[in-house]
Amino acid sequence: SARARALNLTSRKRAPPKEHRSGQRLVVQYIV
């Protein structure tokens, strides 16, 4: 267990709007 960590997908703090939008766009339109 020393090298694993959980990701909190439900209660993360909301990212600043510009970073949030650009990050989502990068994921949805390119990475995925």
Full PDB file with SEQRES, HELIX, SHEET, SSBOND, CRYST1, ORIGX, SCALE, CONECT and MASTER records, all heavy atoms in Angstrom:
SEQRES   1 A   32  SER ALA ARG ALA ARG ALA LEU ASN LEU THR SER ARG LYS          
SEQRES   2 A   32  ARG ALA PRO PRO LYS GLU HIS ARG SER GLY GLN ARG LEU          
SEQRES   3 A   32  VAL VAL GLN TYR ILE VAL                                      
HELIX    1 AA1 PRO A   17  LEU A   26  1                                  10    
HELIX    2 AA2 VAL A   27  ILE A   31  3                                   5    
CRYST1    1.000    1.000    1.000  90.00  90.00  90.00 P 1           1          
ORIGX1      1.000000  0.000000  0.000000        0.00000                         
ORIGX2      0.000000  1.000000  0.000000        0.00000                         
ORIGX3      0.000000  0.000000  1.000000        0.00000                         
SCALE1      1.000000  0.000000  0.000000        0.00000                         
SCALE2      0.000000  1.000000  0.000000        0.00000                         
SCALE3      0.000000  0.000000  1.000000        0.00000                         
ATOM      1  N   SER A   1       0.773  -1.241   0.000  1.00  0.00           N  
ATOM      2  CA  SER A   1       0.000   0.000   0.000  1.00  0.00           C  
ATOM      3  C   SER A   1       0.802   1.287   0.000  1.00  0.00           C  
ATOM      4  O   SER A   1       0.246   2.357  -0.141  1.00  0.00           O  
ATOM      5  CB  SER A   1      -0.970   0.027   1.190  1.00  0.00           C  
ATOM      6  OG  SER A   1      -0.278   0.267   2.400  1.00  0.00           O  
ATOM      7  N   ALA A   2       2.118   1.222   0.122  1.00  0.00           N  
ATOM      8  CA  ALA A   2       2.905   2.449   0.226  1.00  0.00           C  
ATOM      9  C   ALA A   2       2.951   3.218  -1.077  1.00  0.00           C  
ATOM     10  O   ALA A   2       3.279   4.387  -1.091  1.00  0.00           O  
ATOM     11  CB  ALA A   2       4.327   2.118   0.672  1.00  0.00           C  
ATOM     12  N   ARG A   3       2.645   2.584  -2.192  1.00  0.00           N  
ATOM     13  CA  ARG A   3       2.811   3.238  -3.473  1.00  0.00           C  
ATOM     14  C   ARG A   3       1.502   3.459  -4.206  1.00  0.00           C  
ATOM     15  O   ARG A   3       1.498   3.705  -5.406  1.00  0.00           O  
ATOM     16  CB  ARG A   3       3.755   2.417  -4.351  1.00  0.00           C  
ATOM     17  CG  ARG A   3       5.153   2.324  -3.765  1.00  0.00           C  
ATOM     18  CD  ARG A   3       6.043   1.512  -4.651  1.00  0.00           C  
ATOM     19  NE  ARG A   3       7.336   1.303  -4.015  1.00  0.00           N  
ATOM     20  CZ  ARG A   3       8.228   0.451  -4.442  1.00  0.00           C  
ATOM     21  NH1 ARG A   3       7.977  -0.292  -5.501  1.00  0.00           N  
ATOM     22  NH2 ARG A   3       9.385   0.307  -3.834  1.00  0.00           N  
ATOM     23  N   ALA A   4       0.384   3.352  -3.536  1.00  0.00           N  
ATOM     24  CA  ALA A   4      -0.906   3.575  -4.187  1.00  0.00           C  
ATOM     25  C   ALA A   4      -1.670   4.651  -3.449  1.00  0.00           C  
ATOM     26  O   ALA A   4      -1.534   4.810  -2.244  1.00  0.00           O  
ATOM     27  CB  ALA A   4      -1.710   2.283  -4.230  1.00  0.00           C  
ATOM     28  N   ARG A   5      -2.475   5.395  -4.180  1.00  0.00           N  
ATOM     29  CA  ARG A   5      -3.322   6.398  -3.536  1.00  0.00           C  
ATOM     30  C   ARG A   5      -4.658   6.427  -4.236  1.00  0.00           C  
ATOM     31  O   ARG A   5      -4.767   6.108  -5.414  1.00  0.00           O  
ATOM     32  CB  ARG A   5      -2.686   7.784  -3.578  1.00  0.00           C  
ATOM     33  CG  ARG A   5      -2.479   8.345  -4.948  1.00  0.00           C  
ATOM     34  CD  ARG A   5      -2.015   9.779  -4.910  1.00  0.00           C  
ATOM     35  NE  ARG A   5      -3.056  10.663  -4.442  1.00  0.00           N  
ATOM     36  CZ  ARG A   5      -2.891  11.977  -4.318  1.00  0.00           C  
ATOM     37  NH1 ARG A   5      -1.749  12.522  -4.605  1.00  0.00           N  
ATOM     38  NH2 ARG A   5      -3.879  12.739  -3.904  1.00  0.00           N  
ATOM     39  N   ALA A   6      -5.675   6.797  -3.497  1.00  0.00           N  
ATOM     40  CA  ALA A   6      -7.014   6.863  -4.073  1.00  0.00           C  
ATOM     41  C   ALA A   6      -7.224   8.207  -4.746  1.00  0.00           C  
ATOM     42  O   ALA A   6      -6.651   9.218  -4.344  1.00  0.00           O  
ATOM     43  CB  ALA A   6      -8.057   6.667  -2.976  1.00  0.00           C  
ATOM     44  N   LEU A   7      -8.068   8.221  -5.771  1.00  0.00           N  
ATOM     45  CA  LEU A   7      -8.478   9.460  -6.410  1.00  0.00           C  
ATOM     46  C   LEU A   7      -9.893   9.771  -5.963  1.00  0.00           C  
ATOM     47  O   LEU A   7     -10.769   8.919  -6.020  1.00  0.00           O  
ATOM     48  CB  LEU A   7      -8.459   9.326  -7.933  1.00  0.00           C  
ATOM     49  CG  LEU A   7      -7.107   9.069  -8.581  1.00  0.00           C  
ATOM     50  CD1 LEU A   7      -7.284   9.040 -10.090  1.00  0.00           C  
ATOM     51  CD2 LEU A   7      -6.110  10.126  -8.190  1.00  0.00           C  
ATOM     52  N   ASN A   8     -10.113  10.980  -5.528  1.00  0.00           N  
ATOM     53  CA  ASN A   8     -11.446  11.392  -5.105  1.00  0.00           C  
ATOM     54  C   ASN A   8     -12.163  11.993  -6.298  1.00  0.00           C  
ATOM     55  O   ASN A   8     -11.913  13.120  -6.687  1.00  0.00           O  
ATOM     56  CB  ASN A   8     -11.325  12.420  -3.973  1.00  0.00           C  
ATOM     57  CG  ASN A   8     -12.684  12.816  -3.409  1.00  0.00           C  
ATOM     58  OD1 ASN A   8     -13.719  12.481  -3.982  1.00  0.00           O  
ATOM     59  ND2 ASN A   8     -12.665  13.511  -2.298  1.00  0.00           N  
ATOM     60  N   LEU A   9     -13.077  11.235  -6.879  1.00  0.00           N  
ATOM     61  CA  LEU A   9     -13.748  11.674  -8.096  1.00  0.00           C  
ATOM     62  C   LEU A   9     -15.075  12.368  -7.812  1.00  0.00           C  
ATOM     63  O   LEU A   9     -15.706  12.894  -8.711  1.00  0.00           O  
ATOM     64  CB  LEU A   9     -14.009  10.484  -9.018  1.00  0.00           C  
ATOM     65  CG  LEU A   9     -12.759   9.761  -9.521  1.00  0.00           C  
ATOM     66  CD1 LEU A   9     -13.165   8.607 -10.418  1.00  0.00           C  
ATOM     67  CD2 LEU A   9     -11.851  10.692 -10.273  1.00  0.00           C  
ATOM     68  N   THR A  10     -15.493  12.359  -6.566  1.00  0.00           N  
ATOM     69  CA  THR A  10     -16.829  12.884  -6.277  1.00  0.00           C  
ATOM     70  C   THR A  10     -16.820  14.174  -5.465  1.00  0.00           C  
ATOM     71  O   THR A  10     -17.776  14.928  -5.507  1.00  0.00           O  
ATOM     72  CB  THR A  10     -17.646  11.838  -5.508  1.00  0.00           C  
ATOM     73  OG1 THR A  10     -16.935  11.480  -4.308  1.00  0.00           O  
ATOM     74  CG2 THR A  10     -17.845  10.597  -6.356  1.00  0.00           C  
ATOM     75  N   SER A  11     -15.736  14.435  -4.737  1.00  0.00           N  
ATOM     76  CA  SER A  11     -15.777  15.602  -3.854  1.00  0.00           C  
ATOM     77  C   SER A  11     -14.598  16.537  -4.063  1.00  0.00           C  
ATOM     78  O   SER A  11     -14.187  17.233  -3.158  1.00  0.00           O  
ATOM     79  CB  SER A  11     -15.796  15.134  -2.391  1.00  0.00           C  
ATOM     80  OG  SER A  11     -14.627  14.395  -2.105  1.00  0.00           O  
ATOM     81  N   ARG A  12     -14.020  16.547  -5.257  1.00  0.00           N  
ATOM     82  CA  ARG A  12     -12.877  17.419  -5.496  1.00  0.00           C  
ATOM     83  C   ARG A  12     -13.297  18.889  -5.469  1.00  0.00           C  
ATOM     84  O   ARG A  12     -14.430  19.227  -5.797  1.00  0.00           O  
ATOM     85  CB  ARG A  12     -12.243  17.103  -6.860  1.00  0.00           C  
ATOM     86  CG  ARG A  12     -13.128  17.406  -8.042  1.00  0.00           C  
ATOM     87  CD  ARG A  12     -12.366  17.142  -9.349  1.00  0.00           C  
ATOM     88  NE  ARG A  12     -13.172  17.520 -10.496  1.00  0.00           N  
ATOM     89  CZ  ARG A  12     -13.978  16.700 -11.131  1.00  0.00           C  
ATOM     90  NH1 ARG A  12     -14.107  15.460 -10.729  1.00  0.00           N  
ATOM     91  NH2 ARG A  12     -14.670  17.114 -12.179  1.00  0.00           N  
ATOM     92  N   LYS A  13     -12.353  19.743  -5.111  1.00  0.00           N  
ATOM     93  CA  LYS A  13     -12.618  21.171  -5.157  1.00  0.00           C  
ATOM     94  C   LYS A  13     -12.736  21.605  -6.611  1.00  0.00           C  
ATOM     95  O   LYS A  13     -12.018  21.144  -7.469  1.00  0.00           O  
ATOM     96  CB  LYS A  13     -11.479  21.933  -4.474  1.00  0.00           C  
ATOM     97  CG  LYS A  13     -11.407  21.682  -2.977  1.00  0.00           C  
ATOM     98  CD  LYS A  13     -10.293  22.492  -2.360  1.00  0.00           C  
ATOM     99  CE  LYS A  13     -10.220  22.262  -0.854  1.00  0.00           C  
ATOM    100  NZ  LYS A  13      -9.136  23.030  -0.238  1.00  0.00           N  
ATOM    101  N   ARG A  14     -13.645  22.497  -6.868  1.00  0.00           N  
ATOM    102  CA  ARG A  14     -13.861  22.949  -8.237  1.00  0.00           C  
ATOM    103  C   ARG A  14     -12.656  23.748  -8.720  1.00  0.00           C  
ATOM    104  O   ARG A  14     -12.174  24.650  -8.047  1.00  0.00           O  
ATOM    105  CB  ARG A  14     -15.122  23.815  -8.309  1.00  0.00           C  
ATOM    106  CG  ARG A  14     -15.495  24.183  -9.743  1.00  0.00           C  
ATOM    107  CD  ARG A  14     -16.828  24.896  -9.773  1.00  0.00           C  
ATOM    108  NE  ARG A  14     -17.212  25.217 -11.127  1.00  0.00           N  
ATOM    109  CZ  ARG A  14     -17.786  24.377 -11.967  1.00  0.00           C  
ATOM    110  NH1 ARG A  14     -18.020  23.144 -11.563  1.00  0.00           N  
ATOM    111  NH2 ARG A  14     -18.115  24.728 -13.182  1.00  0.00           N  
ATOM    112  N   ALA A  15     -12.162  23.399  -9.895  1.00  0.00           N  
ATOM    113  CA  ALA A  15     -11.011  24.101 -10.464  1.00  0.00           C  
ATOM    114  C   ALA A  15     -11.429  25.493 -10.910  1.00  0.00           C  
ATOM    115  O   ALA A  15     -12.600  25.744 -11.180  1.00  0.00           O  
ATOM    116  CB  ALA A  15     -10.468  23.316 -11.654  1.00  0.00           C  
ATOM    117  N   PRO A  16     -10.475  26.415 -11.005  1.00  0.00           N  
ATOM    118  CA  PRO A  16     -10.795  27.726 -11.563  1.00  0.00           C  
ATOM    119  C   PRO A  16     -11.429  27.561 -12.931  1.00  0.00           C  
ATOM    120  O   PRO A  16     -11.038  26.687 -13.705  1.00  0.00           O  
ATOM    121  CB  PRO A  16      -9.419  28.405 -11.663  1.00  0.00           C  
ATOM    122  CG  PRO A  16      -8.589  27.714 -10.638  1.00  0.00           C  
ATOM    123  CD  PRO A  16      -9.078  26.291 -10.612  1.00  0.00           C  
ATOM    124  N   PRO A  17     -12.422  28.387 -13.270  1.00  0.00           N  
ATOM    125  CA  PRO A  17     -13.208  28.169 -14.494  1.00  0.00           C  
ATOM    126  C   PRO A  17     -12.397  27.967 -15.756  1.00  0.00           C  
ATOM    127  O   PRO A  17     -12.651  27.044 -16.512  1.00  0.00           O  
ATOM    128  CB  PRO A  17     -14.059  29.441 -14.574  1.00  0.00           C  
ATOM    129  CG  PRO A  17     -14.212  29.877 -13.152  1.00  0.00           C  
ATOM    130  CD  PRO A  17     -12.917  29.520 -12.479  1.00  0.00           C  
ATOM    131  N   LYS A  18     -11.375  28.811 -16.014  1.00  0.00           N  
ATOM    132  CA  LYS A  18     -10.631  28.685 -17.265  1.00  0.00           C  
ATOM    133  C   LYS A  18      -9.867  27.369 -17.315  1.00  0.00           C  
ATOM    134  O   LYS A  18      -9.869  26.661 -18.312  1.00  0.00           O  
ATOM    135  CB  LYS A  18      -9.665  29.870 -17.439  1.00  0.00           C  
ATOM    136  CG  LYS A  18     -10.352  31.159 -17.839  1.00  0.00           C  
ATOM    137  CD  LYS A  18      -9.329  32.239 -18.132  1.00  0.00           C  
ATOM    138  CE  LYS A  18     -10.009  33.532 -18.586  1.00  0.00           C  
ATOM    139  NZ  LYS A  18      -9.017  34.586 -18.881  1.00  0.00           N  
ATOM    140  N   GLU A  19      -9.192  27.038 -16.215  1.00  0.00           N  
ATOM    141  CA  GLU A  19      -8.435  25.794 -16.188  1.00  0.00           C  
ATOM    142  C   GLU A  19      -9.380  24.607 -16.300  1.00  0.00           C  
ATOM    143  O   GLU A  19      -9.096  23.628 -16.994  1.00  0.00           O  
ATOM    144  CB  GLU A  19      -7.623  25.707 -14.897  1.00  0.00           C  
ATOM    145  CG  GLU A  19      -6.809  24.428 -14.797  1.00  0.00           C  
ATOM    146  CD  GLU A  19      -5.947  24.402 -13.560  1.00  0.00           C  
ATOM    147  OE1 GLU A  19      -5.786  25.454 -12.925  1.00  0.00           O  
ATOM    148  OE2 GLU A  19      -5.434  23.312 -13.236  1.00  0.00           O  
ATOM    149  N   HIS A  20     -10.509  24.693 -15.617  1.00  0.00           N  
ATOM    150  CA  HIS A  20     -11.491  23.606 -15.645  1.00  0.00           C  
ATOM    151  C   HIS A  20     -11.988  23.383 -17.063  1.00  0.00           C  
ATOM    152  O   HIS A  20     -12.015  22.255 -17.564  1.00  0.00           O  
ATOM    153  CB  HIS A  20     -12.650  23.971 -14.712  1.00  0.00           C  
ATOM    154  CG  HIS A  20     -13.701  22.919 -14.596  1.00  0.00           C  
ATOM    155  ND1 HIS A  20     -13.520  21.765 -13.862  1.00  0.00           N  
ATOM    156  CD2 HIS A  20     -14.949  22.835 -15.123  1.00  0.00           C  
ATOM    157  CE1 HIS A  20     -14.608  21.023 -13.933  1.00  0.00           C  
ATOM    158  NE2 HIS A  20     -15.492  21.650 -14.688  1.00  0.00           N  
ATOM    159  N   ARG A  21     -12.358  24.476 -17.739  1.00  0.00           N  
ATOM    160  CA  ARG A  21     -12.907  24.339 -19.090  1.00  0.00           C  
ATOM    161  C   ARG A  21     -11.855  23.852 -20.070  1.00  0.00           C  
ATOM    162  O   ARG A  21     -12.118  22.983 -20.905  1.00  0.00           O  
ATOM    163  CB  ARG A  21     -13.471  25.691 -19.561  1.00  0.00           C  
ATOM    164  CG  ARG A  21     -14.766  26.096 -18.869  1.00  0.00           C  
ATOM    165  CD  ARG A  21     -15.457  27.204 -19.666  1.00  0.00           C  
ATOM    166  NE  ARG A  21     -14.624  28.381 -19.819  1.00  0.00           N  
ATOM    167  CZ  ARG A  21     -14.616  29.405 -18.984  1.00  0.00           C  
ATOM    168  NH1 ARG A  21     -15.388  29.386 -17.911  1.00  0.00           N  
ATOM    169  NH2 ARG A  21     -13.847  30.449 -19.210  1.00  0.00           N  
ATOM    170  N   SER A  22     -10.631  24.413 -19.988  1.00  0.00           N  
ATOM    171  CA  SER A  22      -9.609  24.021 -20.947  1.00  0.00           C  
ATOM    172  C   SER A  22      -9.154  22.593 -20.698  1.00  0.00           C  
ATOM    173  O   SER A  22      -8.870  21.846 -21.643  1.00  0.00           O  
ATOM    174  CB  SER A  22      -8.426  24.988 -20.906  1.00  0.00           C  
ATOM    175  OG  SER A  22      -7.888  25.075 -19.604  1.00  0.00           O  
ATOM    176  N   GLY A  23      -9.080  22.188 -19.430  1.00  0.00           N  
ATOM    177  CA  GLY A  23      -8.723  20.816 -19.125  1.00  0.00           C  
ATOM    178  C   GLY A  23      -9.752  19.835 -19.641  1.00  0.00           C  
ATOM    179  O   GLY A  23      -9.414  18.804 -20.231  1.00  0.00           O  
ATOM    180  N   GLN A  24     -11.029  20.160 -19.454  1.00  0.00           N  
ATOM    181  CA  GLN A  24     -12.087  19.287 -19.956  1.00  0.00           C  
ATOM    182  C   GLN A  24     -12.075  19.223 -21.486  1.00  0.00           C  
ATOM    183  O   GLN A  24     -12.273  18.162 -22.077  1.00  0.00           O  
ATOM    184  CB  GLN A  24     -13.445  19.783 -19.468  1.00  0.00           C  
ATOM    185  CG  GLN A  24     -13.726  19.439 -18.018  1.00  0.00           C  
ATOM    186  CD  GLN A  24     -15.170  19.709 -17.649  1.00  0.00           C  
ATOM    187  OE1 GLN A  24     -15.756  20.682 -18.100  1.00  0.00           O  
ATOM    188  NE2 GLN A  24     -15.728  18.845 -16.829  1.00  0.00           N  
ATOM    189  N   ARG A  25     -11.828  20.357 -22.117  1.00  0.00           N  
ATOM    190  CA  ARG A  25     -11.798  20.386 -23.579  1.00  0.00           C  
ATOM    191  C   ARG A  25     -10.646  19.529 -24.104  1.00  0.00           C  
ATOM    192  O   ARG A  25     -10.799  18.783 -25.082  1.00  0.00           O  
ATOM    193  CB  ARG A  25     -11.660  21.826 -24.067  1.00  0.00           C  
ATOM    194  CG  ARG A  25     -11.624  21.954 -25.593  1.00  0.00           C  
ATOM    195  CD  ARG A  25     -11.705  23.408 -26.021  1.00  0.00           C  
ATOM    196  NE  ARG A  25     -11.651  23.520 -27.471  1.00  0.00           N  
ATOM    197  CZ  ARG A  25     -10.540  23.748 -28.176  1.00  0.00           C  
ATOM    198  NH1 ARG A  25      -9.382  23.886 -27.530  1.00  0.00           N  
ATOM    199  NH2 ARG A  25     -10.576  23.834 -29.475  1.00  0.00           N  
ATOM    200  N   LEU A  26      -9.478  19.639 -23.473  1.00  0.00           N  
ATOM    201  CA  LEU A  26      -8.343  18.829 -23.876  1.00  0.00           C  
ATOM    202  C   LEU A  26      -8.677  17.344 -23.777  1.00  0.00           C  
ATOM    203  O   LEU A  26      -8.369  16.555 -24.668  1.00  0.00           O  
ATOM    204  CB  LEU A  26      -7.136  19.149 -22.989  1.00  0.00           C  
ATOM    205  CG  LEU A  26      -5.853  18.372 -23.272  1.00  0.00           C  
ATOM    206  CD1 LEU A  26      -5.263  18.760 -24.619  1.00  0.00           C  
ATOM    207  CD2 LEU A  26      -4.840  18.608 -22.157  1.00  0.00           C  
ATOM    208  N   VAL A  27      -9.343  16.962 -22.700  1.00  0.00           N  
ATOM    209  CA  VAL A  27      -9.686  15.556 -22.487  1.00  0.00           C  
ATOM    210  C   VAL A  27     -10.733  15.086 -23.488  1.00  0.00           C  
ATOM    211  O   VAL A  27     -10.565  14.071 -24.172  1.00  0.00           O  
ATOM    212  CB  VAL A  27     -10.180  15.345 -21.044  1.00  0.00           C  
ATOM    213  CG1 VAL A  27     -10.822  13.966 -20.894  1.00  0.00           C  
ATOM    214  CG2 VAL A  27      -9.024  15.494 -20.061  1.00  0.00           C  
ATOM    215  N   VAL A  28     -11.828  15.836 -23.602  1.00  0.00           N  
ATOM    216  CA  VAL A  28     -12.964  15.379 -24.403  1.00  0.00           C  
ATOM    217  C   VAL A  28     -12.667  15.435 -25.892  1.00  0.00           C  
ATOM    218  O   VAL A  28     -13.028  14.525 -26.648  1.00  0.00           O  
ATOM    219  CB  VAL A  28     -14.217  16.215 -24.071  1.00  0.00           C  
ATOM    220  CG1 VAL A  28     -15.364  15.880 -25.017  1.00  0.00           C  
ATOM    221  CG2 VAL A  28     -14.640  15.962 -22.626  1.00  0.00           C  
ATOM    222  N   GLN A  29     -12.002  16.491 -26.336  1.00  0.00           N  
ATOM    223  CA  GLN A  29     -11.790  16.674 -27.766  1.00  0.00           C  
ATOM    224  C   GLN A  29     -10.497  16.051 -28.280  1.00  0.00           C  
ATOM    225  O   GLN A  29     -10.357  15.861 -29.495  1.00  0.00           O  
ATOM    226  CB  GLN A  29     -11.809  18.165 -28.113  1.00  0.00           C  
ATOM    227  CG  GLN A  29     -13.148  18.823 -27.869  1.00  0.00           C  
ATOM    228  CD  GLN A  29     -13.215  20.228 -28.425  1.00  0.00           C  
ATOM    229  OE1 GLN A  29     -12.307  20.683 -29.110  1.00  0.00           O  
ATOM    230  NE2 GLN A  29     -14.288  20.929 -28.140  1.00  0.00           N  
ATOM    231  N   TYR A  30      -9.593  15.700 -27.388  1.00  0.00           N  
ATOM    232  CA  TYR A  30      -8.302  15.211 -27.873  1.00  0.00           C  
ATOM    233  C   TYR A  30      -7.863  13.906 -27.203  1.00  0.00           C  
ATOM    234  O   TYR A  30      -7.697  12.877 -27.866  1.00  0.00           O  
ATOM    235  CB  TYR A  30      -7.236  16.291 -27.675  1.00  0.00           C  
ATOM    236  CG  TYR A  30      -5.859  15.861 -28.113  1.00  0.00           C  
ATOM    237  CD1 TYR A  30      -5.584  15.589 -29.454  1.00  0.00           C  
ATOM    238  CD2 TYR A  30      -4.829  15.705 -27.191  1.00  0.00           C  
ATOM    239  CE1 TYR A  30      -4.329  15.175 -29.862  1.00  0.00           C  
ATOM    240  CE2 TYR A  30      -3.563  15.293 -27.587  1.00  0.00           C  
ATOM    241  CZ  TYR A  30      -3.320  15.032 -28.923  1.00  0.00           C  
ATOM    242  OH  TYR A  30      -2.071  14.621 -29.320  1.00  0.00           O  
ATOM    243  N   ILE A  31      -7.702  13.899 -25.876  1.00  0.00           N  
ATOM    244  CA  ILE A  31      -7.128  12.731 -25.204  1.00  0.00           C  
ATOM    245  C   ILE A  31      -8.025  11.507 -25.339  1.00  0.00           C  
ATOM    246  O   ILE A  31      -7.565  10.427 -25.739  1.00  0.00           O  
ATOM    247  CB  ILE A  31      -6.837  13.038 -23.723  1.00  0.00           C  
ATOM    248  CG1 ILE A  31      -5.742  14.099 -23.615  1.00  0.00           C  
ATOM    249  CG2 ILE A  31      -6.425  11.764 -22.991  1.00  0.00           C  
ATOM    250  CD1 ILE A  31      -5.453  14.571 -22.192  1.00  0.00           C  
ATOM    251  N   VAL A  32      -9.312  11.642 -25.011  1.00  0.00           N  
ATOM    252  CA  VAL A  32     -10.213  10.490 -25.073  1.00  0.00           C  
ATOM    253  C   VAL A  32     -10.319   9.921 -26.488  1.00  0.00           C  
ATOM    254  O   VAL A  32     -10.177   8.705 -26.686  1.00  0.00           O  
ATOM    255  CB  VAL A  32     -11.603  10.847 -24.505  1.00  0.00           C  
ATOM    256  CG1 VAL A  32     -12.624   9.768 -24.833  1.00  0.00           C  
ATOM    257  CG2 VAL A  32     -11.512  11.048 -22.992  1.00  0.00           C  
TER     258      VAL A  32                                                      
MASTER        0    0    0    2    0    0    0    6  257    1    0    3          
END                                                                             
